[in-house]
């Protein structure tokens, strides 16, 4: 791994000079190119037009969210992590024989779980507080 990193540094520096040209490409060329590659990638994944339609619908949803000033990052995070979280929840429920109160009780008695819950609550309250401050400034 160390050797691969040593080889990659000069190769990366050599390619970086040419990579800058992508940044200088006008958006009128780069936009359709990215969309075309996205459609090809969505179709190539399962050879299904349904996947392409899903990609287009999610893209339009993202555009509408941008127009209404709704953050898109939580949606992407939910799409990426949602299936993993669902699988881990199913495994957790299997460990406690589908006893939900036992699962919640074990979460509330483990120090690491309490720390994660506390940090989540603090994060939500800070987000709500900063959101209310921004609304006061806009008015």
C-alpha atoms as a PDB file:
ATOM      1  CA  UNK A   1       0.000   0.000   0.000  1.00  0.00           C
ATOM      2  CA  UNK A   2       2.842   2.374   0.831  1.00  0.00           C
ATOM      3  CA  UNK A   3       4.496   1.648  -2.524  1.00  0.00           C
ATOM      4  CA  UNK A   4       1.228   2.293  -4.364  1.00  0.00           C
ATOM      5  CA  UNK A   5       0.948   5.706  -2.695  1.00  0.00           C
ATOM      6  CA  UNK A   6       4.523   6.561  -3.635  1.00  0.00           C
ATOM      7  CA  UNK A   7       3.826   5.694  -7.276  1.00  0.00           C
ATOM      8  CA  UNK A   8       0.505   7.523  -7.267  1.00  0.00           C
ATOM      9  CA  UNK A   9       1.944  10.908  -6.213  1.00  0.00           C
ATOM     10  CA  UNK A  10       3.958  11.559  -9.404  1.00  0.00           C
ATOM     11  CA  UNK A  11       1.227  10.026 -11.559  1.00  0.00           C
ATOM     12  CA  UNK A  12      -1.387  12.239  -9.893  1.00  0.00           C
ATOM     13  CA  UNK A  13       0.721  15.348 -10.329  1.00  0.00           C
ATOM     14  CA  UNK A  14       1.252  14.558 -14.013  1.00  0.00           C
ATOM     15  CA  UNK A  15      -2.468  14.033 -14.641  1.00  0.00           C
ATOM     16  CA  UNK A  16      -3.537  17.054 -12.564  1.00  0.00           C
ATOM     17  CA  UNK A  17      -2.127  19.410 -15.172  1.00  0.00           C
ATOM     18  CA  UNK A  18      -4.566  18.023 -17.755  1.00  0.00           C
ATOM     19  CA  UNK A  19      -7.430  17.677 -15.276  1.00  0.00           C
ATOM     20  CA  UNK A  20      -7.651  21.460 -14.969  1.00  0.00           C
ATOM     21  CA  UNK A  21      -9.009  21.588 -18.507  1.00  0.00           C
ATOM     22  CA  UNK A  22     -12.229  19.959 -17.256  1.00  0.00           C
ATOM     23  CA  UNK A  23     -12.776  22.905 -14.934  1.00  0.00           C
ATOM     24  CA  UNK A  24     -12.399  25.317 -17.847  1.00  0.00           C
ATOM     25  CA  UNK A  25     -15.010  23.425 -19.924  1.00  0.00           C
ATOM     26  CA  UNK A  26     -18.173  25.525 -20.382  1.00  0.00           C
ATOM     27  CA  UNK A  27     -21.276  24.367 -18.515  1.00  0.00           C
ATOM     28  CA  UNK A  28     -23.187  24.156 -21.808  1.00  0.00           C
ATOM     29  CA  UNK A  29     -20.911  21.268 -22.820  1.00  0.00           C
ATOM     30  CA  UNK A  30     -20.219  19.731 -19.432  1.00  0.00           C
ATOM     31  CA  UNK A  31     -23.883  19.576 -18.296  1.00  0.00           C
ATOM     32  CA  UNK A  32     -25.226  17.445 -21.158  1.00  0.00           C
ATOM     33  CA  UNK A  33     -22.115  15.256 -20.979  1.00  0.00           C
ATOM     34  CA  UNK A  34     -22.704  14.544 -17.290  1.00  0.00           C
ATOM     35  CA  UNK A  35     -26.401  13.838 -17.913  1.00  0.00           C
ATOM     36  CA  UNK A  36     -25.569  11.456 -20.779  1.00  0.00           C
ATOM     37  CA  UNK A  37     -23.007   9.590 -18.671  1.00  0.00           C
ATOM     38  CA  UNK A  38     -25.513   9.400 -15.809  1.00  0.00           C
ATOM     39  CA  UNK A  39     -28.191   7.905 -18.082  1.00  0.00           C
ATOM     40  CA  UNK A  40     -25.704   5.407 -19.514  1.00  0.00           C
ATOM     41  CA  UNK A  41     -24.567   4.457 -16.014  1.00  0.00           C
ATOM     42  CA  UNK A  42     -28.114   4.057 -14.711  1.00  0.00           C
ATOM     43  CA  UNK A  43     -29.034   1.844 -17.650  1.00  0.00           C
ATOM     44  CA  UNK A  44     -25.819  -0.196 -17.495  1.00  0.00           C
ATOM     45  CA  UNK A  45     -26.306  -1.090 -13.845  1.00  0.00           C
ATOM     46  CA  UNK A  46     -29.251  -3.479 -14.411  1.00  0.00           C
ATOM     47  CA  UNK A  47     -29.946  -3.010 -18.150  1.00  0.00           C
ATOM     48  CA  UNK A  48     -33.301  -1.531 -17.192  1.00  0.00           C
ATOM     49  CA  UNK A  49     -35.066   1.598 -18.423  1.00  0.00           C
ATOM     50  CA  UNK A  50     -36.879   1.692 -15.083  1.00  0.00           C
ATOM     51  CA  UNK A  51     -33.580   2.667 -13.427  1.00  0.00           C
ATOM     52  CA  UNK A  52     -33.179   5.510 -15.920  1.00  0.00           C
ATOM     53  CA  UNK A  53     -36.691   6.779 -15.117  1.00  0.00           C
ATOM     54  CA  UNK A  54     -35.947   6.592 -11.391  1.00  0.00           C
ATOM     55  CA  UNK A  55     -32.755   8.588 -11.961  1.00  0.00           C
ATOM     56  CA  UNK A  56     -34.650  11.239 -13.928  1.00  0.00           C
ATOM     57  CA  UNK A  57     -37.419  11.514 -11.303  1.00  0.00           C
ATOM     58  CA  UNK A  58     -34.884  11.860  -8.479  1.00  0.00           C
ATOM     59  CA  UNK A  59     -33.014  14.460 -10.551  1.00  0.00           C
ATOM     60  CA  UNK A  60     -36.217  16.462 -11.032  1.00  0.00           C
ATOM     61  CA  UNK A  61     -36.982  16.137  -7.327  1.00  0.00           C
ATOM     62  CA  UNK A  62     -33.529  17.556  -6.588  1.00  0.00           C
ATOM     63  CA  UNK A  63     -34.155  20.439  -8.990  1.00  0.00           C
ATOM     64  CA  UNK A  64     -37.501  21.265  -7.359  1.00  0.00           C
ATOM     65  CA  UNK A  65     -35.887  21.073  -3.922  1.00  0.00           C
ATOM     66  CA  UNK A  66     -33.199  23.521  -5.100  1.00  0.00           C
ATOM     67  CA  UNK A  67     -35.843  25.922  -6.439  1.00  0.00           C
ATOM     68  CA  UNK A  68     -37.694  25.904  -3.101  1.00  0.00           C
ATOM     69  CA  UNK A  69     -34.454  26.252  -1.106  1.00  0.00           C
ATOM     70  CA  UNK A  70     -34.819  22.833   0.548  1.00  0.00           C
ATOM     71  CA  UNK A  71     -31.511  21.151   1.468  1.00  0.00           C
ATOM     72  CA  UNK A  72     -30.794  18.106  -0.728  1.00  0.00           C
ATOM     73  CA  UNK A  73     -28.007  16.596   1.363  1.00  0.00           C
ATOM     74  CA  UNK A  74     -30.322  14.793   3.831  1.00  0.00           C
ATOM     75  CA  UNK A  75     -32.126  13.149   0.913  1.00  0.00           C
ATOM     76  CA  UNK A  76     -28.863  11.866  -0.560  1.00  0.00           C
ATOM     77  CA  UNK A  77     -27.684  10.687   2.851  1.00  0.00           C
ATOM     78  CA  UNK A  78     -30.968   8.866   3.420  1.00  0.00           C
ATOM     79  CA  UNK A  79     -30.815   7.187   0.010  1.00  0.00           C
ATOM     80  CA  UNK A  80     -27.240   6.043   0.556  1.00  0.00           C
ATOM     81  CA  UNK A  81     -27.480   4.960   4.185  1.00  0.00           C
ATOM     82  CA  UNK A  82     -31.143   3.912   4.329  1.00  0.00           C
ATOM     83  CA  UNK A  83     -30.719   0.337   3.144  1.00  0.00           C
ATOM     84  CA  UNK A  84     -27.727  -0.219   5.437  1.00  0.00           C
ATOM     85  CA  UNK A  85     -29.641   1.141   8.426  1.00  0.00           C
ATOM     86  CA  UNK A  86     -32.632  -1.061   7.619  1.00  0.00           C
ATOM     87  CA  UNK A  87     -30.430  -4.169   7.453  1.00  0.00           C
ATOM     88  CA  UNK A  88     -28.752  -3.363  10.760  1.00  0.00           C
ATOM     89  CA  UNK A  89     -32.129  -2.739  12.413  1.00  0.00           C
ATOM     90  CA  UNK A  90     -33.349  -6.127  11.199  1.00  0.00           C
ATOM     91  CA  UNK A  91     -30.217  -7.762  12.599  1.00  0.00           C
ATOM     92  CA  UNK A  92     -30.644  -5.962  15.936  1.00  0.00           C
ATOM     93  CA  UNK A  93     -34.256  -7.089  16.179  1.00  0.00           C
ATOM     94  CA  UNK A  94     -33.201 -10.659  15.400  1.00  0.00           C
ATOM     95  CA  UNK A  95     -30.662 -10.528  18.248  1.00  0.00           C
ATOM     96  CA  UNK A  96     -33.371  -9.596  20.773  1.00  0.00           C
ATOM     97  CA  UNK A  97     -35.987 -11.963  19.252  1.00  0.00           C
ATOM     98  CA  UNK A  98     -38.153  -9.080  17.946  1.00  0.00           C
ATOM     99  CA  UNK A  99     -38.540  -7.622  21.443  1.00  0.00           C
ATOM    100  CA  UNK A 100     -38.598  -3.867  20.752  1.00  0.00           C
ATOM    101  CA  UNK A 101     -38.661  -2.772  24.448  1.00  0.00           C
ATOM    102  CA  UNK A 102     -35.547  -4.896  25.070  1.00  0.00           C
ATOM    103  CA  UNK A 103     -33.821  -3.255  22.105  1.00  0.00           C
ATOM    104  CA  UNK A 104     -34.658   0.245  23.338  1.00  0.00           C
ATOM    105  CA  UNK A 105     -33.663  -0.696  26.891  1.00  0.00           C
ATOM    106  CA  UNK A 106     -30.292  -1.970  25.736  1.00  0.00           C
ATOM    107  CA  UNK A 107     -29.742   1.255  23.780  1.00  0.00           C
ATOM    108  CA  UNK A 108     -30.434   3.359  26.870  1.00  0.00           C
ATOM    109  CA  UNK A 109     -28.083   1.395  29.133  1.00  0.00           C
ATOM    110  CA  UNK A 110     -24.963   1.340  26.933  1.00  0.00           C
ATOM    111  CA  UNK A 111     -22.602   4.317  27.301  1.00  0.00           C
ATOM    112  CA  UNK A 112     -21.692   4.508  23.611  1.00  0.00           C
ATOM    113  CA  UNK A 113     -25.357   4.512  22.618  1.00  0.00           C
ATOM    114  CA  UNK A 114     -26.075   7.267  25.136  1.00  0.00           C
ATOM    115  CA  UNK A 115     -23.223   9.367  23.756  1.00  0.00           C
ATOM    116  CA  UNK A 116     -24.495   8.945  20.185  1.00  0.00           C
ATOM    117  CA  UNK A 117     -28.077   9.777  21.222  1.00  0.00           C
ATOM    118  CA  UNK A 118     -26.848  12.844  23.120  1.00  0.00           C
ATOM    119  CA  UNK A 119     -24.784  14.095  20.194  1.00  0.00           C
ATOM    120  CA  UNK A 120     -27.746  13.584  17.866  1.00  0.00           C
ATOM    121  CA  UNK A 121     -30.057  15.579  20.142  1.00  0.00           C
ATOM    122  CA  UNK A 122     -27.478  18.387  20.464  1.00  0.00           C
ATOM    123  CA  UNK A 123     -27.032  18.454  16.687  1.00  0.00           C
ATOM    124  CA  UNK A 124     -30.784  18.698  16.065  1.00  0.00           C
ATOM    125  CA  UNK A 125     -31.198  21.511  18.603  1.00  0.00           C
ATOM    126  CA  UNK A 126     -28.270  23.460  17.151  1.00  0.00           C
ATOM    127  CA  UNK A 127     -29.728  23.092  13.662  1.00  0.00           C
ATOM    128  CA  UNK A 128     -33.126  24.302  14.829  1.00  0.00           C
ATOM    129  CA  UNK A 129     -31.573  27.239  16.683  1.00  0.00           C
ATOM    130  CA  UNK A 130     -29.502  28.339  13.675  1.00  0.00           C
ATOM    131  CA  UNK A 131     -32.561  27.962  11.445  1.00  0.00           C
ATOM    132  CA  UNK A 132     -34.643  30.200  13.714  1.00  0.00           C
ATOM    133  CA  UNK A 133     -31.841  32.793  13.777  1.00  0.00           C
ATOM    134  CA  UNK A 134     -31.701  32.816   9.977  1.00  0.00           C
ATOM    135  CA  UNK A 135     -35.480  33.355   9.776  1.00  0.00           C
ATOM    136  CA  UNK A 136     -35.233  36.318  12.165  1.00  0.00           C
ATOM    137  CA  UNK A 137     -32.502  37.888  10.023  1.00  0.00           C
ATOM    138  CA  UNK A 138     -34.494  37.437   6.793  1.00  0.00           C
ATOM    139  CA  UNK A 139     -37.623  39.154   8.194  1.00  0.00           C
END
